[in-house]
């Protein structure tokens, strides 16, 4: 198992127009989100089958990882309206070793659409949504060896978080 790093950032209002066509997540997106989840990762990461991936996304939306926030969860659409990236957010992650803030439980980009700024735009949109809802922070976990994801999050002013920060 790889080491996971917890990161946290202040929420902020949007300061630029996004180049991504997006909208909030709908329950009807479940099949496509499961497909995206299954195909975006190496085999076995998102489950042993497409159905297992769909079931995990369904469980995520039902609260398995915390109270799902559909208004803060967004999808990016290609020119045909197909979902090509998604960010899924919960009110608080389950467990004592996470910040007491909204938590990004998944940020997925279709392999064919990577390196186009979709993930960055979705995180910025989530940060704006949370800011406008009165939330001050947003957190997430990422594999410590995922240099591309770490670079993205650091460029968006995320910083390392540790449970000791809650011991005030």
C-alpha atoms as a PDB file:
ATOM      1  CA  UNK A   1       0.000   0.000   0.000  1.00  0.00           C
ATOM      2  CA  UNK A   2       1.250   3.451  -0.833  1.00  0.00           C
ATOM      3  CA  UNK A   3       1.408   6.329   1.583  1.00  0.00           C
ATOM      4  CA  UNK A   4      -1.493   8.707   1.389  1.00  0.00           C
ATOM      5  CA  UNK A   5      -1.060  12.422   2.000  1.00  0.00           C
ATOM      6  CA  UNK A   6      -3.908  14.561   3.320  1.00  0.00           C
ATOM      7  CA  UNK A   7      -4.034  18.064   1.882  1.00  0.00           C
ATOM      8  CA  UNK A   8      -6.198  21.044   2.803  1.00  0.00           C
ATOM      9  CA  UNK A   9      -6.840  24.438   1.189  1.00  0.00           C
ATOM     10  CA  UNK A  10      -8.888  27.534   1.852  1.00  0.00           C
ATOM     11  CA  UNK A  11     -11.970  27.787  -0.323  1.00  0.00           C
ATOM     12  CA  UNK A  12     -11.980  30.754  -2.671  1.00  0.00           C
ATOM     13  CA  UNK A  13     -14.339  32.437  -5.104  1.00  0.00           C
ATOM     14  CA  UNK A  14     -13.663  31.966  -8.795  1.00  0.00           C
ATOM     15  CA  UNK A  15     -11.253  34.580 -10.073  1.00  0.00           C
ATOM     16  CA  UNK A  16     -11.283  33.606 -13.734  1.00  0.00           C
ATOM     17  CA  UNK A  17     -13.664  32.215 -16.278  1.00  0.00           C
ATOM     18  CA  UNK A  18     -13.354  28.457 -16.584  1.00  0.00           C
ATOM     19  CA  UNK A  19     -12.692  26.932 -19.972  1.00  0.00           C
ATOM     20  CA  UNK A  20     -14.528  23.743 -19.043  1.00  0.00           C
ATOM     21  CA  UNK A  21     -18.208  23.114 -19.697  1.00  0.00           C
ATOM     22  CA  UNK A  22     -19.542  21.709 -16.453  1.00  0.00           C
ATOM     23  CA  UNK A  23     -22.555  21.152 -14.240  1.00  0.00           C
ATOM     24  CA  UNK A  24     -23.378  19.577 -10.899  1.00  0.00           C
ATOM     25  CA  UNK A  25     -23.624  15.820 -10.533  1.00  0.00           C
ATOM     26  CA  UNK A  26     -27.033  14.218 -11.055  1.00  0.00           C
ATOM     27  CA  UNK A  27     -28.128  10.809  -9.831  1.00  0.00           C
ATOM     28  CA  UNK A  28     -28.712   9.845 -13.467  1.00  0.00           C
ATOM     29  CA  UNK A  29     -24.946  10.255 -14.053  1.00  0.00           C
ATOM     30  CA  UNK A  30     -24.259   7.121 -12.018  1.00  0.00           C
ATOM     31  CA  UNK A  31     -23.620   4.686 -14.918  1.00  0.00           C
ATOM     32  CA  UNK A  32     -21.221   7.069 -16.679  1.00  0.00           C
ATOM     33  CA  UNK A  33     -19.466   7.984 -13.419  1.00  0.00           C
ATOM     34  CA  UNK A  34     -18.941   4.289 -12.689  1.00  0.00           C
ATOM     35  CA  UNK A  35     -17.594   3.726 -16.196  1.00  0.00           C
ATOM     36  CA  UNK A  36     -15.298   6.732 -15.882  1.00  0.00           C
ATOM     37  CA  UNK A  37     -14.095   5.542 -12.472  1.00  0.00           C
ATOM     38  CA  UNK A  38     -13.417   2.021 -13.765  1.00  0.00           C
ATOM     39  CA  UNK A  39     -11.555   3.067 -16.922  1.00  0.00           C
ATOM     40  CA  UNK A  40      -9.579   6.022 -15.534  1.00  0.00           C
ATOM     41  CA  UNK A  41      -7.425   3.865 -13.254  1.00  0.00           C
ATOM     42  CA  UNK A  42      -5.192   0.849 -13.677  1.00  0.00           C
ATOM     43  CA  UNK A  43      -7.064  -2.480 -13.576  1.00  0.00           C
ATOM     44  CA  UNK A  44      -8.270  -3.442 -10.116  1.00  0.00           C
ATOM     45  CA  UNK A  45      -8.008   0.010  -8.518  1.00  0.00           C
ATOM     46  CA  UNK A  46     -11.700   0.863  -8.951  1.00  0.00           C
ATOM     47  CA  UNK A  47     -12.899  -2.696  -8.476  1.00  0.00           C
ATOM     48  CA  UNK A  48     -12.763  -5.960 -10.352  1.00  0.00           C
ATOM     49  CA  UNK A  49     -15.525  -5.057 -12.797  1.00  0.00           C
ATOM     50  CA  UNK A  50     -17.449  -2.183 -14.274  1.00  0.00           C
ATOM     51  CA  UNK A  51     -20.403  -3.156 -12.062  1.00  0.00           C
ATOM     52  CA  UNK A  52     -18.208  -3.031  -8.944  1.00  0.00           C
ATOM     53  CA  UNK A  53     -17.074   0.483  -9.912  1.00  0.00           C
ATOM     54  CA  UNK A  54     -20.671   1.595 -10.494  1.00  0.00           C
ATOM     55  CA  UNK A  55     -21.650   0.080  -7.145  1.00  0.00           C
ATOM     56  CA  UNK A  56     -18.835   1.967  -5.401  1.00  0.00           C
ATOM     57  CA  UNK A  57     -19.892   5.278  -6.953  1.00  0.00           C
ATOM     58  CA  UNK A  58     -23.504   4.502  -5.953  1.00  0.00           C
ATOM     59  CA  UNK A  59     -22.329   3.823  -2.381  1.00  0.00           C
ATOM     60  CA  UNK A  60     -20.319   7.073  -2.435  1.00  0.00           C
ATOM     61  CA  UNK A  61     -23.408   9.027  -3.418  1.00  0.00           C
ATOM     62  CA  UNK A  62     -25.399   7.203  -0.696  1.00  0.00           C
ATOM     63  CA  UNK A  63     -22.974   8.289   2.033  1.00  0.00           C
ATOM     64  CA  UNK A  64     -20.456   5.455   2.344  1.00  0.00           C
ATOM     65  CA  UNK A  65     -17.570   7.945   2.603  1.00  0.00           C
ATOM     66  CA  UNK A  66     -19.507  10.797   4.223  1.00  0.00           C
ATOM     67  CA  UNK A  67     -22.631  12.828   3.452  1.00  0.00           C
ATOM     68  CA  UNK A  68     -22.479  13.385  -0.318  1.00  0.00           C
ATOM     69  CA  UNK A  69     -22.649  17.018  -1.468  1.00  0.00           C
ATOM     70  CA  UNK A  70     -24.194  17.012  -4.963  1.00  0.00           C
ATOM     71  CA  UNK A  71     -24.077  20.822  -5.209  1.00  0.00           C
ATOM     72  CA  UNK A  72     -20.297  20.812  -4.644  1.00  0.00           C
ATOM     73  CA  UNK A  73     -19.716  17.797  -6.906  1.00  0.00           C
ATOM     74  CA  UNK A  74     -19.291  18.591 -10.579  1.00  0.00           C
ATOM     75  CA  UNK A  75     -18.773  16.931 -13.931  1.00  0.00           C
ATOM     76  CA  UNK A  76     -16.909  18.225 -16.962  1.00  0.00           C
ATOM     77  CA  UNK A  77     -18.535  17.666 -20.347  1.00  0.00           C
ATOM     78  CA  UNK A  78     -16.997  17.295 -23.784  1.00  0.00           C
ATOM     79  CA  UNK A  79     -18.425  18.982 -26.874  1.00  0.00           C
ATOM     80  CA  UNK A  80     -21.046  16.218 -27.217  1.00  0.00           C
ATOM     81  CA  UNK A  81     -22.186  16.513 -23.600  1.00  0.00           C
ATOM     82  CA  UNK A  82     -20.457  13.308 -22.462  1.00  0.00           C
ATOM     83  CA  UNK A  83     -18.976  13.325 -18.948  1.00  0.00           C
ATOM     84  CA  UNK A  84     -15.185  13.249 -19.231  1.00  0.00           C
ATOM     85  CA  UNK A  85     -14.172  14.239 -15.696  1.00  0.00           C
ATOM     86  CA  UNK A  86     -15.768  14.454 -12.272  1.00  0.00           C
ATOM     87  CA  UNK A  87     -15.137  15.644  -8.741  1.00  0.00           C
ATOM     88  CA  UNK A  88     -17.116  14.055  -5.908  1.00  0.00           C
ATOM     89  CA  UNK A  89     -17.338  15.815  -2.546  1.00  0.00           C
ATOM     90  CA  UNK A  90     -18.649  14.875   0.893  1.00  0.00           C
ATOM     91  CA  UNK A  91     -19.533  17.133   3.805  1.00  0.00           C
ATOM     92  CA  UNK A  92     -16.923  15.468   6.052  1.00  0.00           C
ATOM     93  CA  UNK A  93     -14.838  12.379   5.421  1.00  0.00           C
ATOM     94  CA  UNK A  94     -15.491   9.439   7.688  1.00  0.00           C
ATOM     95  CA  UNK A  95     -12.748   8.845  10.251  1.00  0.00           C
ATOM     96  CA  UNK A  96     -10.828  10.662  12.932  1.00  0.00           C
ATOM     97  CA  UNK A  97      -7.764  11.218  10.792  1.00  0.00           C
ATOM     98  CA  UNK A  98      -9.305  13.758   8.408  1.00  0.00           C
ATOM     99  CA  UNK A  99     -10.038  17.485   8.730  1.00  0.00           C
ATOM    100  CA  UNK A 100     -13.480  18.632   9.801  1.00  0.00           C
ATOM    101  CA  UNK A 101     -14.192  20.171   6.414  1.00  0.00           C
ATOM    102  CA  UNK A 102     -15.721  19.223   3.090  1.00  0.00           C
ATOM    103  CA  UNK A 103     -13.640  16.483   1.504  1.00  0.00           C
ATOM    104  CA  UNK A 104     -12.983  15.624  -2.144  1.00  0.00           C
ATOM    105  CA  UNK A 105     -13.349  11.856  -2.229  1.00  0.00           C
ATOM    106  CA  UNK A 106     -12.709  11.460  -5.941  1.00  0.00           C
ATOM    107  CA  UNK A 107     -11.291  13.461  -8.833  1.00  0.00           C
ATOM    108  CA  UNK A 108     -11.451  11.445 -12.046  1.00  0.00           C
ATOM    109  CA  UNK A 109     -10.445  12.378 -15.576  1.00  0.00           C
ATOM    110  CA  UNK A 110     -10.966  10.191 -18.636  1.00  0.00           C
ATOM    111  CA  UNK A 111      -7.582   8.994 -19.936  1.00  0.00           C
ATOM    112  CA  UNK A 112      -8.300  10.557 -23.346  1.00  0.00           C
ATOM    113  CA  UNK A 113      -8.941  13.997 -21.809  1.00  0.00           C
ATOM    114  CA  UNK A 114      -6.045  14.421 -19.410  1.00  0.00           C
ATOM    115  CA  UNK A 115      -3.692  17.405 -19.433  1.00  0.00           C
ATOM    116  CA  UNK A 116      -6.434  19.785 -20.589  1.00  0.00           C
ATOM    117  CA  UNK A 117      -7.124  21.569 -17.303  1.00  0.00           C
ATOM    118  CA  UNK A 118     -10.364  19.715 -16.551  1.00  0.00           C
ATOM    119  CA  UNK A 119      -9.324  18.572 -13.074  1.00  0.00           C
ATOM    120  CA  UNK A 120      -8.069  22.041 -12.173  1.00  0.00           C
ATOM    121  CA  UNK A 121     -11.310  23.654 -13.335  1.00  0.00           C
ATOM    122  CA  UNK A 122     -13.428  21.144 -11.406  1.00  0.00           C
ATOM    123  CA  UNK A 123     -11.466  21.700  -8.182  1.00  0.00           C
ATOM    124  CA  UNK A 124     -11.718  25.485  -8.634  1.00  0.00           C
ATOM    125  CA  UNK A 125     -15.465  25.155  -9.223  1.00  0.00           C
ATOM    126  CA  UNK A 126     -15.826  23.035  -6.080  1.00  0.00           C
ATOM    127  CA  UNK A 127     -13.801  25.556  -4.073  1.00  0.00           C
ATOM    128  CA  UNK A 128     -16.058  28.358  -5.337  1.00  0.00           C
ATOM    129  CA  UNK A 129     -19.240  26.418  -4.548  1.00  0.00           C
ATOM    130  CA  UNK A 130     -18.026  25.651  -1.038  1.00  0.00           C
ATOM    131  CA  UNK A 131     -16.867  29.248  -0.489  1.00  0.00           C
ATOM    132  CA  UNK A 132     -20.307  30.540  -1.502  1.00  0.00           C
ATOM    133  CA  UNK A 133     -21.903  28.023   0.882  1.00  0.00           C
ATOM    134  CA  UNK A 134     -19.888  29.475   3.775  1.00  0.00           C
ATOM    135  CA  UNK A 135     -17.303  26.696   3.996  1.00  0.00           C
ATOM    136  CA  UNK A 136     -13.765  27.848   4.740  1.00  0.00           C
ATOM    137  CA  UNK A 137     -11.710  24.757   3.828  1.00  0.00           C
ATOM    138  CA  UNK A 138     -11.680  21.750   1.556  1.00  0.00           C
ATOM    139  CA  UNK A 139      -9.489  18.689   1.939  1.00  0.00           C
ATOM    140  CA  UNK A 140      -8.543  15.517   0.074  1.00  0.00           C
ATOM    141  CA  UNK A 141      -6.170  12.574   0.096  1.00  0.00           C
ATOM    142  CA  UNK A 142      -3.707  11.704  -2.601  1.00  0.00           C
ATOM    143  CA  UNK A 143      -1.041   9.059  -3.033  1.00  0.00           C
ATOM    144  CA  UNK A 144       2.308  10.518  -2.051  1.00  0.00           C
ATOM    145  CA  UNK A 145       3.826   9.096  -5.252  1.00  0.00           C
ATOM    146  CA  UNK A 146       1.264  10.727  -7.566  1.00  0.00           C
ATOM    147  CA  UNK A 147       3.439  13.639  -8.638  1.00  0.00           C
ATOM    148  CA  UNK A 148       0.972  14.966 -11.222  1.00  0.00           C
ATOM    149  CA  UNK A 149      -1.864  15.176  -8.686  1.00  0.00           C
ATOM    150  CA  UNK A 150       0.419  16.658  -6.020  1.00  0.00           C
ATOM    151  CA  UNK A 151       1.605  19.320  -8.472  1.00  0.00           C
ATOM    152  CA  UNK A 152      -1.999  20.210  -9.328  1.00  0.00           C
ATOM    153  CA  UNK A 153      -3.071  20.506  -5.694  1.00  0.00           C
ATOM    154  CA  UNK A 154       0.006  22.478  -4.645  1.00  0.00           C
ATOM    155  CA  UNK A 155      -0.600  24.891  -7.538  1.00  0.00           C
ATOM    156  CA  UNK A 156      -4.096  25.442  -6.070  1.00  0.00           C
ATOM    157  CA  UNK A 157      -2.631  26.323  -2.640  1.00  0.00           C
ATOM    158  CA  UNK A 158      -3.320  23.015  -0.938  1.00  0.00           C
ATOM    159  CA  UNK A 159      -0.903  22.218   1.886  1.00  0.00           C
ATOM    160  CA  UNK A 160      -0.190  19.173   4.005  1.00  0.00           C
ATOM    161  CA  UNK A 161      -2.571  18.564   6.893  1.00  0.00           C
ATOM    162  CA  UNK A 162      -2.002  16.360   9.917  1.00  0.00           C
ATOM    163  CA  UNK A 163      -4.345  15.280  12.733  1.00  0.00           C
ATOM    164  CA  UNK A 164      -2.231  17.268  15.217  1.00  0.00           C
ATOM    165  CA  UNK A 165      -3.719  20.429  13.719  1.00  0.00           C
ATOM    166  CA  UNK A 166      -7.041  19.494  15.365  1.00  0.00           C
ATOM    167  CA  UNK A 167      -5.531  19.212  18.862  1.00  0.00           C
ATOM    168  CA  UNK A 168      -6.058  22.859  19.826  1.00  0.00           C
END
